[in-house]
């Protein structure tokens, strides 16, 4: 008697909260991230260029300290984003992209943000 009830509850749960897998770790060569100016200072506008992604990568995003930045496609095939440098300290950089229907995430590195020169 409880079997059909359990099945009904599990079916309802699957409809209410379907699984949402996150990005898969990229197994290819890591992308190259170049920041300018380097090193960035707190409050500065920083240009972030991503190179070395597969040519057919779509929906490329840079994740900088938890903030997701959209990128634009450059003629060279690289990607570009702008970032206002956060508080001084380490800044973790990740690259997320879509390739052949799969979402990937690759390590970009860690940048050290220096304090602003204006005190």
PDB file of N, CA and C in Angstrom:
ATOM      1  N   UNK A   1       0.815  -1.194   0.000  1.00  0.00           N
ATOM      2  CA  UNK A   1       0.000   0.000   0.000  1.00  0.00           C
ATOM      3  C   UNK A   1       0.861   1.261   0.000  1.00  0.00           C
ATOM      4  N   UNK A   2       1.991   1.229   0.695  1.00  0.00           N
ATOM      5  CA  UNK A   2       2.836   2.427   0.736  1.00  0.00           C
ATOM      6  C   UNK A   2       3.685   2.570  -0.510  1.00  0.00           C
ATOM      7  N   UNK A   3       3.882   1.495  -1.258  1.00  0.00           N
ATOM      8  CA  UNK A   3       4.703   1.545  -2.475  1.00  0.00           C
ATOM      9  C   UNK A   3       4.189   2.555  -3.480  1.00  0.00           C
ATOM     10  N   UNK A   4       2.898   2.517  -3.869  1.00  0.00           N
ATOM     11  CA  UNK A   4       2.400   3.506  -4.830  1.00  0.00           C
ATOM     12  C   UNK A   4       2.473   4.940  -4.304  1.00  0.00           C
ATOM     13  N   UNK A   5       2.270   5.115  -3.012  1.00  0.00           N
ATOM     14  CA  UNK A   5       2.344   6.451  -2.425  1.00  0.00           C
ATOM     15  C   UNK A   5       3.773   6.993  -2.476  1.00  0.00           C
ATOM     16  N   UNK A   6       4.746   6.159  -2.173  1.00  0.00           N
ATOM     17  CA  UNK A   6       6.148   6.571  -2.250  1.00  0.00           C
ATOM     18  C   UNK A   6       6.517   6.907  -3.683  1.00  0.00           C
ATOM     19  N   UNK A   7       6.081   6.098  -4.633  1.00  0.00           N
ATOM     20  CA  UNK A   7       6.360   6.357  -6.054  1.00  0.00           C
ATOM     21  C   UNK A   7       5.749   7.689  -6.477  1.00  0.00           C
ATOM     22  N   UNK A   8       4.523   7.972  -6.047  1.00  0.00           N
ATOM     23  CA  UNK A   8       3.856   9.226  -6.386  1.00  0.00           C
ATOM     24  C   UNK A   8       4.612  10.417  -5.796  1.00  0.00           C
ATOM     25  N   UNK A   9       5.061  10.307  -4.571  1.00  0.00           N
ATOM     26  CA  UNK A   9       5.813  11.398  -3.941  1.00  0.00           C
ATOM     27  C   UNK A   9       7.150  11.639  -4.639  1.00  0.00           C
ATOM     28  N   UNK A  10       7.854  10.566  -4.987  1.00  0.00           N
ATOM     29  CA  UNK A  10       9.132  10.717  -5.691  1.00  0.00           C
ATOM     30  C   UNK A  10       8.928  11.316  -7.080  1.00  0.00           C
ATOM     31  N   UNK A  11       7.864  10.944  -7.759  1.00  0.00           N
ATOM     32  CA  UNK A  11       7.562  11.516  -9.076  1.00  0.00           C
ATOM     33  C   UNK A  11       7.266  13.001  -8.961  1.00  0.00           C
ATOM     34  N   UNK A  12       6.512  13.381  -7.948  1.00  0.00           N
ATOM     35  CA  UNK A  12       6.196  14.797  -7.737  1.00  0.00           C
ATOM     36  C   UNK A  12       7.465  15.586  -7.419  1.00  0.00           C
ATOM     37  N   UNK A  13       8.350  15.016  -6.640  1.00  0.00           N
ATOM     38  CA  UNK A  13       9.601  15.692  -6.302  1.00  0.00           C
ATOM     39  C   UNK A  13      10.460  15.904  -7.546  1.00  0.00           C
ATOM     40  N   UNK A  14      10.484  14.948  -8.444  1.00  0.00           N
ATOM     41  CA  UNK A  14      11.267  15.081  -9.675  1.00  0.00           C
ATOM     42  C   UNK A  14      10.734  16.201 -10.553  1.00  0.00           C
ATOM     43  N   UNK A  15       9.426  16.421 -10.542  1.00  0.00           N
ATOM     44  CA  UNK A  15       8.833  17.500 -11.338  1.00  0.00           C
ATOM     45  C   UNK A  15       9.092  18.846 -10.685  1.00  0.00           C
ATOM     46  N   UNK A  16       9.017  18.899  -9.375  1.00  0.00           N
ATOM     47  CA  UNK A  16       9.196  20.165  -8.649  1.00  0.00           C
ATOM     48  C   UNK A  16      10.656  20.611  -8.688  1.00  0.00           C
ATOM     49  N   UNK A  17      11.581  19.704  -8.473  1.00  0.00           N
ATOM     50  CA  UNK A  17      13.000  20.048  -8.403  1.00  0.00           C
ATOM     51  C   UNK A  17      13.814  19.129  -9.306  1.00  0.00           C
ATOM     52  N   UNK A  18      13.761  19.365 -10.635  1.00  0.00           N
ATOM     53  CA  UNK A  18      14.564  18.511 -11.512  1.00  0.00           C
ATOM     54  C   UNK A  18      16.050  18.735 -11.264  1.00  0.00           C
ATOM     55  N   UNK A  19      16.870  17.712 -11.497  1.00  0.00           N
ATOM     56  CA  UNK A  19      18.310  17.880 -11.265  1.00  0.00           C
ATOM     57  C   UNK A  19      18.894  18.906 -12.224  1.00  0.00           C
ATOM     58  N   UNK A  20      19.797  19.734 -11.724  1.00  0.00           N
ATOM     59  CA  UNK A  20      20.444  20.774 -12.533  1.00  0.00           C
ATOM     60  C   UNK A  20      21.949  20.622 -12.385  1.00  0.00           C
ATOM     61  N   UNK A  21      22.547  19.837 -13.266  1.00  0.00           N
ATOM     62  CA  UNK A  21      23.990  19.610 -13.122  1.00  0.00           C
ATOM     63  C   UNK A  21      24.779  20.879 -13.427  1.00  0.00           C
ATOM     64  N   UNK A  22      25.849  21.063 -12.710  1.00  0.00           N
ATOM     65  CA  UNK A  22      26.722  22.205 -12.943  1.00  0.00           C
ATOM     66  C   UNK A  22      27.666  21.935 -14.092  1.00  0.00           C
ATOM     67  N   UNK A  23      28.569  22.880 -14.353  1.00  0.00           N
ATOM     68  CA  UNK A  23      29.510  22.680 -15.448  1.00  0.00           C
ATOM     69  C   UNK A  23      30.491  21.541 -15.156  1.00  0.00           C
ATOM     70  N   UNK A  24      30.946  20.926 -16.231  1.00  0.00           N
ATOM     71  CA  UNK A  24      31.901  19.823 -16.157  1.00  0.00           C
ATOM     72  C   UNK A  24      33.317  20.409 -16.191  1.00  0.00           C
ATOM     73  N   UNK A  25      34.230  19.835 -15.451  1.00  0.00           N
ATOM     74  CA  UNK A  25      35.621  20.305 -15.462  1.00  0.00           C
ATOM     75  C   UNK A  25      36.225  20.073 -16.842  1.00  0.00           C
ATOM     76  N   UNK A  26      36.816  21.108 -17.423  1.00  0.00           N
ATOM     77  CA  UNK A  26      37.445  21.036 -18.740  1.00  0.00           C
ATOM     78  C   UNK A  26      38.713  20.211 -18.645  1.00  0.00           C
ATOM     79  N   UNK A  27      38.860  19.210 -19.527  1.00  0.00           N
ATOM     80  CA  UNK A  27      40.016  18.325 -19.512  1.00  0.00           C
ATOM     81  C   UNK A  27      41.071  18.705 -20.542  1.00  0.00           C
ATOM     82  N   UNK A  28      40.779  19.690 -21.386  1.00  0.00           N
ATOM     83  CA  UNK A  28      41.734  20.124 -22.405  1.00  0.00           C
ATOM     84  C   UNK A  28      42.752  21.093 -21.836  1.00  0.00           C
ATOM     85  N   UNK A  29      43.526  21.727 -22.710  1.00  0.00           N
ATOM     86  CA  UNK A  29      44.513  22.697 -22.242  1.00  0.00           C
ATOM     87  C   UNK A  29      43.819  23.899 -21.586  1.00  0.00           C
ATOM     88  N   UNK A  30      44.398  24.376 -20.503  1.00  0.00           N
ATOM     89  CA  UNK A  30      43.808  25.507 -19.789  1.00  0.00           C
ATOM     90  C   UNK A  30      43.872  26.764 -20.646  1.00  0.00           C
ATOM     91  N   UNK A  31      42.823  27.590 -20.564  1.00  0.00           N
ATOM     92  CA  UNK A  31      42.866  28.862 -21.292  1.00  0.00           C
ATOM     93  C   UNK A  31      43.870  29.816 -20.653  1.00  0.00           C
ATOM     94  N   UNK A  32      44.290  30.777 -21.424  1.00  0.00           N
ATOM     95  CA  UNK A  32      45.220  31.803 -20.944  1.00  0.00           C
ATOM     96  C   UNK A  32      44.420  33.063 -20.675  1.00  0.00           C
ATOM     97  N   UNK A  33      44.587  33.644 -19.499  1.00  0.00           N
ATOM     98  CA  UNK A  33      43.912  34.893 -19.147  1.00  0.00           C
ATOM     99  C   UNK A  33      44.963  35.974 -18.966  1.00  0.00           C
ATOM    100  N   UNK A  34      44.749  37.097 -19.664  1.00  0.00           N
ATOM    101  CA  UNK A  34      45.656  38.246 -19.561  1.00  0.00           C
ATOM    102  C   UNK A  34      44.850  39.419 -19.038  1.00  0.00           C
ATOM    103  N   UNK A  35      45.352  40.043 -17.975  1.00  0.00           N
ATOM    104  CA  UNK A  35      44.683  41.214 -17.397  1.00  0.00           C
ATOM    105  C   UNK A  35      45.539  42.448 -17.626  1.00  0.00           C
ATOM    106  N   UNK A  36      44.864  43.551 -17.944  1.00  0.00           N
ATOM    107  CA  UNK A  36      45.581  44.805 -18.132  1.00  0.00           C
ATOM    108  C   UNK A  36      44.765  45.912 -17.485  1.00  0.00           C
ATOM    109  N   UNK A  37      45.323  46.698 -16.599  1.00  0.00           N
ATOM    110  CA  UNK A  37      46.708  46.688 -16.160  1.00  0.00           C
ATOM    111  C   UNK A  37      46.994  45.500 -15.247  1.00  0.00           C
ATOM    112  N   UNK A  38      48.256  45.166 -15.181  1.00  0.00           N
ATOM    113  CA  UNK A  38      48.670  44.065 -14.339  1.00  0.00           C
ATOM    114  C   UNK A  38      49.833  44.523 -13.467  1.00  0.00           C
ATOM    115  N   UNK A  39      49.749  44.409 -12.186  1.00  0.00           N
ATOM    116  CA  UNK A  39      48.636  43.897 -11.404  1.00  0.00           C
ATOM    117  C   UNK A  39      47.522  44.949 -11.288  1.00  0.00           C
ATOM    118  N   UNK A  40      46.271  44.495 -11.173  1.00  0.00           N
ATOM    119  CA  UNK A  40      45.158  45.439 -11.025  1.00  0.00           C
ATOM    120  C   UNK A  40      45.150  46.058  -9.630  1.00  0.00           C
ATOM    121  N   UNK A  41      44.582  47.242  -9.556  1.00  0.00           N
ATOM    122  CA  UNK A  41      44.421  47.929  -8.267  1.00  0.00           C
ATOM    123  C   UNK A  41      42.936  48.112  -7.971  1.00  0.00           C
ATOM    124  N   UNK A  42      42.575  48.091  -6.710  1.00  0.00           N
ATOM    125  CA  UNK A  42      41.187  48.219  -6.286  1.00  0.00           C
ATOM    126  C   UNK A  42      40.514  49.415  -6.961  1.00  0.00           C
ATOM    127  N   UNK A  43      39.340  49.171  -7.539  1.00  0.00           N
ATOM    128  CA  UNK A  43      38.552  50.231  -8.158  1.00  0.00           C
ATOM    129  C   UNK A  43      38.904  50.543  -9.604  1.00  0.00           C
ATOM    130  N   UNK A  44      40.012  50.006 -10.128  1.00  0.00           N
ATOM    131  CA  UNK A  44      40.416  50.257 -11.512  1.00  0.00           C
ATOM    132  C   UNK A  44      39.580  49.426 -12.472  1.00  0.00           C
ATOM    133  N   UNK A  45      39.369  49.964 -13.678  1.00  0.00           N
ATOM    134  CA  UNK A  45      38.746  49.198 -14.743  1.00  0.00           C
ATOM    135  C   UNK A  45      39.822  48.302 -15.350  1.00  0.00           C
ATOM    136  N   UNK A  46      39.555  47.008 -15.381  1.00  0.00           N
ATOM    137  CA  UNK A  46      40.543  46.029 -15.835  1.00  0.00           C
ATOM    138  C   UNK A  46      40.018  45.337 -17.088  1.00  0.00           C
ATOM    139  N   UNK A  47      40.866  45.245 -18.087  1.00  0.00           N
ATOM    140  CA  UNK A  47      40.557  44.514 -19.312  1.00  0.00           C
ATOM    141  C   UNK A  47      41.007  43.067 -19.129  1.00  0.00           C
ATOM    142  N   UNK A  48      40.106  42.128 -19.365  1.00  0.00           N
ATOM    143  CA  UNK A  48      40.407  40.705 -19.204  1.00  0.00           C
ATOM    144  C   UNK A  48      40.268  40.042 -20.575  1.00  0.00           C
ATOM    145  N   UNK A  49      41.341  39.436 -21.072  1.00  0.00           N
ATOM    146  CA  UNK A  49      41.323  38.745 -22.352  1.00  0.00           C
ATOM    147  C   UNK A  49      41.547  37.258 -22.116  1.00  0.00           C
ATOM    148  N   UNK A  50      40.701  36.439 -22.747  1.00  0.00           N
ATOM    149  CA  UNK A  50      40.793  34.986 -22.618  1.00  0.00           C
ATOM    150  C   UNK A  50      41.203  34.423 -23.975  1.00  0.00           C
ATOM    151  N   UNK A  51      42.277  33.645 -23.996  1.00  0.00           N
ATOM    152  CA  UNK A  51      42.766  33.020 -25.226  1.00  0.00           C
ATOM    153  C   UNK A  51      42.896  31.518 -24.997  1.00  0.00           C
ATOM    154  N   UNK A  52      42.973  30.768 -26.089  1.00  0.00           N
ATOM    155  CA  UNK A  52      43.237  29.341 -25.994  1.00  0.00           C
ATOM    156  C   UNK A  52      42.018  28.469 -25.821  1.00  0.00           C
ATOM    157  N   UNK A  53      40.818  29.010 -26.027  1.00  0.00           N
ATOM    158  CA  UNK A  53      39.624  28.181 -25.957  1.00  0.00           C
ATOM    159  C   UNK A  53      39.392  27.496 -27.302  1.00  0.00           C
ATOM    160  N   UNK A  54      38.674  26.378 -27.311  1.00  0.00           N
ATOM    161  CA  UNK A  54      38.349  25.754 -28.590  1.00  0.00           C
ATOM    162  C   UNK A  54      37.598  26.744 -29.491  1.00  0.00           C
ATOM    163  N   UNK A  55      37.840  26.718 -30.793  1.00  0.00           N
ATOM    164  CA  UNK A  55      37.250  27.704 -31.701  1.00  0.00           C
ATOM    165  C   UNK A  55      35.728  27.772 -31.677  1.00  0.00           C
ATOM    166  N   UNK A  56      35.047  26.694 -31.396  1.00  0.00           N
ATOM    167  CA  UNK A  56      33.578  26.684 -31.419  1.00  0.00           C
ATOM    168  C   UNK A  56      32.953  26.916 -30.053  1.00  0.00           C
ATOM    169  N   UNK A  57      33.706  27.438 -29.109  1.00  0.00           N
ATOM    170  CA  UNK A  57      33.173  27.707 -27.772  1.00  0.00           C
ATOM    171  C   UNK A  57      32.082  28.775 -27.849  1.00  0.00           C
ATOM    172  N   UNK A  58      31.017  28.549 -27.126  1.00  0.00           N
ATOM    173  CA  UNK A  58      29.890  29.481 -27.059  1.00  0.00           C
ATOM    174  C   UNK A  58      29.677  29.898 -25.616  1.00  0.00           C
ATOM    175  N   UNK A  59      28.929  30.972 -25.425  1.00  0.00           N
ATOM    176  CA  UNK A  59      28.535  31.457 -24.090  1.00  0.00           C
ATOM    177  C   UNK A  59      29.729  31.525 -23.145  1.00  0.00           C
ATOM    178  N   UNK A  60      30.794  32.140 -23.586  1.00  0.00           N
ATOM    179  CA  UNK A  60      32.010  32.236 -22.770  1.00  0.00           C
ATOM    180  C   UNK A  60      31.801  33.298 -21.696  1.00  0.00           C
ATOM    181  N   UNK A  61      32.084  32.924 -20.467  1.00  0.00           N
ATOM    182  CA  UNK A  61      31.958  33.824 -19.311  1.00  0.00           C
ATOM    183  C   UNK A  61      33.228  33.730 -18.485  1.00  0.00           C
ATOM    184  N   UNK A  62      33.599  34.849 -17.892  1.00  0.00           N
ATOM    185  CA  UNK A  62      34.700  34.875 -16.926  1.00  0.00           C
ATOM    186  C   UNK A  62      34.070  35.032 -15.557  1.00  0.00           C
ATOM    187  N   UNK A  63      34.452  34.176 -14.629  1.00  0.00           N
ATOM    188  CA  UNK A  63      33.984  34.284 -13.251  1.00  0.00           C
ATOM    189  C   UNK A  63      35.149  34.819 -12.438  1.00  0.00           C
ATOM    190  N   UNK A  64      34.980  36.025 -11.922  1.00  0.00           N
ATOM    191  CA  UNK A  64      36.043  36.697 -11.177  1.00  0.00           C
ATOM    192  C   UNK A  64      35.550  36.971  -9.758  1.00  0.00           C
ATOM    193  N   UNK A  65      36.054  36.198  -8.822  1.00  0.00           N
ATOM    194  CA  UNK A  65      35.658  36.390  -7.429  1.00  0.00           C
ATOM    195  C   UNK A  65      34.168  36.214  -7.206  1.00  0.00           C
ATOM    196  N   UNK A  66      33.548  35.307  -7.945  1.00  0.00           N
ATOM    197  CA  UNK A  66      32.120  35.059  -7.787  1.00  0.00           C
ATOM    198  C   UNK A  66      31.247  35.875  -8.719  1.00  0.00           C
ATOM    199  N   UNK A  67      31.778  36.895  -9.356  1.00  0.00           N
ATOM    200  CA  UNK A  67      31.011  37.709 -10.307  1.00  0.00           C
ATOM    201  C   UNK A  67      31.160  37.126 -11.706  1.00  0.00           C
ATOM    202  N   UNK A  68      30.052  36.966 -12.402  1.00  0.00           N
ATOM    203  CA  UNK A  68      30.062  36.401 -13.744  1.00  0.00           C
ATOM    204  C   UNK A  68      30.070  37.544 -14.757  1.00  0.00           C
ATOM    205  N   UNK A  69      31.079  37.532 -15.640  1.00  0.00           N
ATOM    206  CA  UNK A  69      31.244  38.589 -16.637  1.00  0.00           C
ATOM    207  C   UNK A  69      31.023  38.028 -18.033  1.00  0.00           C
ATOM    208  N   UNK A  70      30.162  38.662 -18.803  1.00  0.00           N
ATOM    209  CA  UNK A  70      29.963  38.279 -20.200  1.00  0.00           C
ATOM    210  C   UNK A  70      31.189  38.714 -21.001  1.00  0.00           C
ATOM    211  N   UNK A  71      31.474  37.999 -22.074  1.00  0.00           N
ATOM    212  CA  UNK A  71      32.612  38.334 -22.920  1.00  0.00           C
ATOM    213  C   UNK A  71      32.141  38.686 -24.323  1.00  0.00           C
ATOM    214  N   UNK A  72      32.975  39.424 -25.031  1.00  0.00           N
ATOM    215  CA  UNK A  72      32.732  39.705 -26.438  1.00  0.00           C
ATOM    216  C   UNK A  72      33.785  38.952 -27.248  1.00  0.00           C
ATOM    217  N   UNK A  73      33.404  38.596 -28.458  1.00  0.00           N
ATOM    218  CA  UNK A  73      34.283  37.815 -29.340  1.00  0.00           C
ATOM    219  C   UNK A  73      35.139  38.770 -30.158  1.00  0.00           C
ATOM    220  N   UNK A  74      36.447  38.641 -30.074  1.00  0.00           N
ATOM    221  CA  UNK A  74      37.364  39.482 -30.839  1.00  0.00           C
ATOM    222  C   UNK A  74      37.668  38.831 -32.183  1.00  0.00           C
ATOM    223  N   UNK A  75      38.144  39.623 -33.137  1.00  0.00           N
ATOM    224  CA  UNK A  75      38.470  39.114 -34.470  1.00  0.00           C
ATOM    225  C   UNK A  75      39.530  38.014 -34.409  1.00  0.00           C
ATOM    226  N   UNK A  76      40.404  38.072 -33.430  1.00  0.00           N
ATOM    227  CA  UNK A  76      41.477  37.075 -33.287  1.00  0.00           C
ATOM    228  C   UNK A  76      40.963  35.722 -32.792  1.00  0.00           C
ATOM    229  N   UNK A  77      39.698  35.689 -32.349  1.00  0.00           N
ATOM    230  CA  UNK A  77      39.146  34.458 -31.778  1.00  0.00           C
ATOM    231  C   UNK A  77      39.194  34.467 -30.259  1.00  0.00           C
ATOM    232  N   UNK A  78      39.916  35.427 -29.691  1.00  0.00           N
ATOM    233  CA  UNK A  78      39.974  35.555 -28.241  1.00  0.00           C
ATOM    234  C   UNK A  78      38.669  36.156 -27.727  1.00  0.00           C
ATOM    235  N   UNK A  79      38.509  36.163 -26.417  1.00  0.00           N
ATOM    236  CA  UNK A  79      37.328  36.757 -25.773  1.00  0.00           C
ATOM    237  C   UNK A  79      37.778  37.883 -24.865  1.00  0.00           C
ATOM    238  N   UNK A  80      36.901  38.873 -24.679  1.00  0.00           N
ATOM    239  CA  UNK A  80      37.261  40.065 -23.909  1.00  0.00           C
ATOM    240  C   UNK A  80      36.135  40.416 -22.948  1.00  0.00           C
ATOM    241  N   UNK A  81      36.499  40.820 -21.728  1.00  0.00           N
ATOM    242  CA  UNK A  81      35.538  41.279 -20.723  1.00  0.00           C
ATOM    243  C   UNK A  81      36.160  42.438 -19.954  1.00  0.00           C
ATOM    244  N   UNK A  82      35.304  43.226 -19.317  1.00  0.00           N
ATOM    245  CA  UNK A  82      35.767  44.326 -18.472  1.00  0.00           C
ATOM    246  C   UNK A  82      35.331  44.059 -17.039  1.00  0.00           C
ATOM    247  N   UNK A  83      36.190  44.435 -16.109  1.00  0.00           N
ATOM    248  CA  UNK A  83      35.968  44.174 -14.694  1.00  0.00           C
ATOM    249  C   UNK A  83      36.450  45.369 -13.893  1.00  0.00           C
ATOM    250  N   UNK A  84      35.678  45.774 -12.900  1.00  0.00           N
ATOM    251  CA  UNK A  84      36.169  46.753 -11.931  1.00  0.00           C
ATOM    252  C   UNK A  84      36.816  45.943 -10.815  1.00  0.00           C
ATOM    253  N   UNK A  85      38.101  46.184 -10.602  1.00  0.00           N
ATOM    254  CA  UNK A  85      38.858  45.388  -9.625  1.00  0.00           C
ATOM    255  C   UNK A  85      38.231  45.500  -8.233  1.00  0.00           C
ATOM    256  N   UNK A  86      38.018  44.364  -7.582  1.00  0.00           N
ATOM    257  CA  UNK A  86      37.421  44.370  -6.237  1.00  0.00           C
ATOM    258  C   UNK A  86      38.439  44.759  -5.167  1.00  0.00           C
ATOM    259  N   UNK A  87      38.090  44.485  -3.923  1.00  0.00           N
ATOM    260  CA  UNK A  87      38.980  44.783  -2.796  1.00  0.00           C
ATOM    261  C   UNK A  87      40.324  44.090  -2.969  1.00  0.00           C
ATOM    262  N   UNK A  88      41.337  44.662  -2.328  1.00  0.00           N
ATOM    263  CA  UNK A  88      42.692  44.111  -2.408  1.00  0.00           C
ATOM    264  C   UNK A  88      42.729  42.685  -1.874  1.00  0.00           C
ATOM    265  N   UNK A  89      43.543  41.872  -2.535  1.00  0.00           N
ATOM    266  CA  UNK A  89      43.693  40.479  -2.132  1.00  0.00           C
ATOM    267  C   UNK A  89      43.646  39.577  -3.338  1.00  0.00           C
ATOM    268  N   UNK A  90      43.652  38.264  -3.114  1.00  0.00           N
ATOM    269  CA  UNK A  90      43.629  37.315  -4.232  1.00  0.00           C
ATOM    270  C   UNK A  90      42.261  37.307  -4.918  1.00  0.00           C
ATOM    271  N   UNK A  91      42.284  37.191  -6.230  1.00  0.00           N
ATOM    272  CA  UNK A  91      41.071  37.155  -7.044  1.00  0.00           C
ATOM    273  C   UNK A  91      41.115  35.885  -7.895  1.00  0.00           C
ATOM    274  N   UNK A  92      40.213  34.953  -7.632  1.00  0.00           N
ATOM    275  CA  UNK A  92      40.162  33.699  -8.373  1.00  0.00           C
ATOM    276  C   UNK A  92      39.447  33.924  -9.702  1.00  0.00           C
ATOM    277  N   UNK A  93      40.048  33.412 -10.772  1.00  0.00           N
ATOM    278  CA  UNK A  93      39.481  33.565 -12.113  1.00  0.00           C
ATOM    279  C   UNK A  93      39.162  32.192 -12.698  1.00  0.00           C
ATOM    280  N   UNK A  94      37.928  32.039 -13.191  1.00  0.00           N
ATOM    281  CA  UNK A  94      37.484  30.827 -13.861  1.00  0.00           C
ATOM    282  C   UNK A  94      36.929  31.205 -15.222  1.00  0.00           C
ATOM    283  N   UNK A  95      36.916  30.260 -16.136  1.00  0.00           N
ATOM    284  CA  UNK A  95      36.313  30.467 -17.449  1.00  0.00           C
ATOM    285  C   UNK A  95      35.249  29.403 -17.636  1.00  0.00           C
ATOM    286  N   UNK A  96      34.028  29.852 -17.963  1.00  0.00           N
ATOM    287  CA  UNK A  96      32.938  28.928 -18.261  1.00  0.00           C
ATOM    288  C   UNK A  96      32.562  29.088 -19.720  1.00  0.00           C
ATOM    289  N   UNK A  97      32.297  27.986 -20.384  1.00  0.00           N
ATOM    290  CA  UNK A  97      31.911  28.031 -21.786  1.00  0.00           C
ATOM    291  C   UNK A  97      31.105  26.795 -22.156  1.00  0.00           C
ATOM    292  N   UNK A  98      30.470  26.869 -23.304  1.00  0.00           N
ATOM    293  CA  UNK A  98      29.664  25.761 -23.809  1.00  0.00           C
ATOM    294  C   UNK A  98      30.294  25.262 -25.097  1.00  0.00           C
ATOM    295  N   UNK A  99      30.430  23.957 -25.210  1.00  0.00           N
ATOM    296  CA  UNK A  99      31.020  23.346 -26.392  1.00  0.00           C
ATOM    297  C   UNK A  99      30.265  22.057 -26.703  1.00  0.00           C
ATOM    298  N   UNK A 100      29.701  21.986 -27.905  1.00  0.00           N
ATOM    299  CA  UNK A 100      28.948  20.801 -28.360  1.00  0.00           C
ATOM    300  C   UNK A 100      27.882  20.370 -27.359  1.00  0.00           C
ATOM    301  N   UNK A 101      27.151  21.342 -26.815  1.00  0.00           N
ATOM    302  CA  UNK A 101      26.039  21.049 -25.923  1.00  0.00           C
ATOM    303  C   UNK A 101      26.400  20.780 -24.478  1.00  0.00           C
ATOM    304  N   UNK A 102      27.668  20.870 -24.122  1.00  0.00           N
ATOM    305  CA  UNK A 102      28.098  20.622 -22.745  1.00  0.00           C
ATOM    306  C   UNK A 102      28.691  21.895 -22.149  1.00  0.00           C
ATOM    307  N   UNK A 103      28.304  22.207 -20.912  1.00  0.00           N
ATOM    308  CA  UNK A 103      28.871  23.355 -20.202  1.00  0.00           C
ATOM    309  C   UNK A 103      30.149  22.925 -19.486  1.00  0.00           C
ATOM    310  N   UNK A 104      31.205  23.705 -19.697  1.00  0.00           N
ATOM    311  CA  UNK A 104      32.500  23.407 -19.093  1.00  0.00           C
ATOM    312  C   UNK A 104      32.956  24.559 -18.212  1.00  0.00           C
ATOM    313  N   UNK A 105      33.855  24.235 -17.299  1.00  0.00           N
ATOM    314  CA  UNK A 105      34.509  25.235 -16.467  1.00  0.00           C
ATOM    315  C   UNK A 105      35.994  24.912 -16.416  1.00  0.00           C
ATOM    316  N   UNK A 106      36.815  25.940 -16.622  1.00  0.00           N
ATOM    317  CA  UNK A 106      38.272  25.766 -16.602  1.00  0.00           C
ATOM    318  C   UNK A 106      38.889  26.745 -15.622  1.00  0.00           C
ATOM    319  N   UNK A 107      39.956  26.310 -14.977  1.00  0.00           N
ATOM    320  CA  UNK A 107      40.707  27.186 -14.083  1.00  0.00           C
ATOM    321  C   UNK A 107      41.391  28.270 -14.905  1.00  0.00           C
ATOM    322  N   UNK A 108      41.287  29.507 -14.448  1.00  0.00           N
ATOM    323  CA  UNK A 108      41.955  30.603 -15.128  1.00  0.00           C
ATOM    324  C   UNK A 108      43.183  31.065 -14.377  1.00  0.00           C
ATOM    325  N   UNK A 109      43.151  30.947 -13.064  1.00  0.00           N
ATOM    326  CA  UNK A 109      44.277  31.370 -12.251  1.00  0.00           C
ATOM    327  C   UNK A 109      43.840  32.256 -11.111  1.00  0.00           C
ATOM    328  N   UNK A 110      44.820  32.847 -10.461  1.00  0.00           N
ATOM    329  CA  UNK A 110      44.571  33.760  -9.347  1.00  0.00           C
ATOM    330  C   UNK A 110      45.374  35.024  -9.599  1.00  0.00           C
ATOM    331  N   UNK A 111      44.695  36.161  -9.521  1.00  0.00           N
ATOM    332  CA  UNK A 111      45.352  37.457  -9.676  1.00  0.00           C
ATOM    333  C   UNK A 111      45.401  38.137  -8.310  1.00  0.00           C
ATOM    334  N   UNK A 112      46.446  38.862  -8.058  1.00  0.00           N
ATOM    335  CA  UNK A 112      46.550  39.599  -6.810  1.00  0.00           C
ATOM    336  C   UNK A 112      46.146  41.047  -7.076  1.00  0.00           C
ATOM    337  N   UNK A 113      45.052  41.479  -6.449  1.00  0.00           N
ATOM    338  CA  UNK A 113      44.587  42.856  -6.578  1.00  0.00           C
ATOM    339  C   UNK A 113      45.270  43.678  -5.494  1.00  0.00           C
ATOM    340  N   UNK A 114      45.949  44.751  -5.925  1.00  0.00           N
ATOM    341  CA  UNK A 114      46.664  45.622  -4.988  1.00  0.00           C
ATOM    342  C   UNK A 114      45.741  46.740  -4.510  1.00  0.00           C
ATOM    343  N   UNK A 115      46.035  47.315  -3.347  1.00  0.00           N
ATOM    344  CA  UNK A 115      45.233  48.453  -2.870  1.00  0.00           C
ATOM    345  C   UNK A 115      45.385  49.640  -3.829  1.00  0.00           C
ATOM    346  N   UNK A 116      44.372  50.480  -3.842  1.00  0.00           N
ATOM    347  CA  UNK A 116      44.377  51.679  -4.676  1.00  0.00           C
ATOM    348  C   UNK A 116      45.494  52.623  -4.212  1.00  0.00           C
ATOM    349  N   UNK A 117      46.036  53.380  -5.156  1.00  0.00           N
ATOM    350  CA  UNK A 117      47.063  54.369  -4.801  1.00  0.00           C
ATOM    351  C   UNK A 117      46.451  55.589  -4.130  1.00  0.00           C
ATOM    352  N   UNK A 118      45.166  55.835  -4.366  1.00  0.00           N
ATOM    353  CA  UNK A 118      44.470  56.979  -3.764  1.00  0.00           C
ATOM    354  C   UNK A 118      43.986  56.583  -2.379  1.00  0.00           C
ATOM    355  N   UNK A 119      44.467  57.220  -1.367  1.00  0.00           N
ATOM    356  CA  UNK A 119      44.060  56.892  -0.003  1.00  0.00           C
ATOM    357  C   UNK A 119      43.278  58.007   0.610  1.00  0.00           C
TER     358      UNK A 119
END
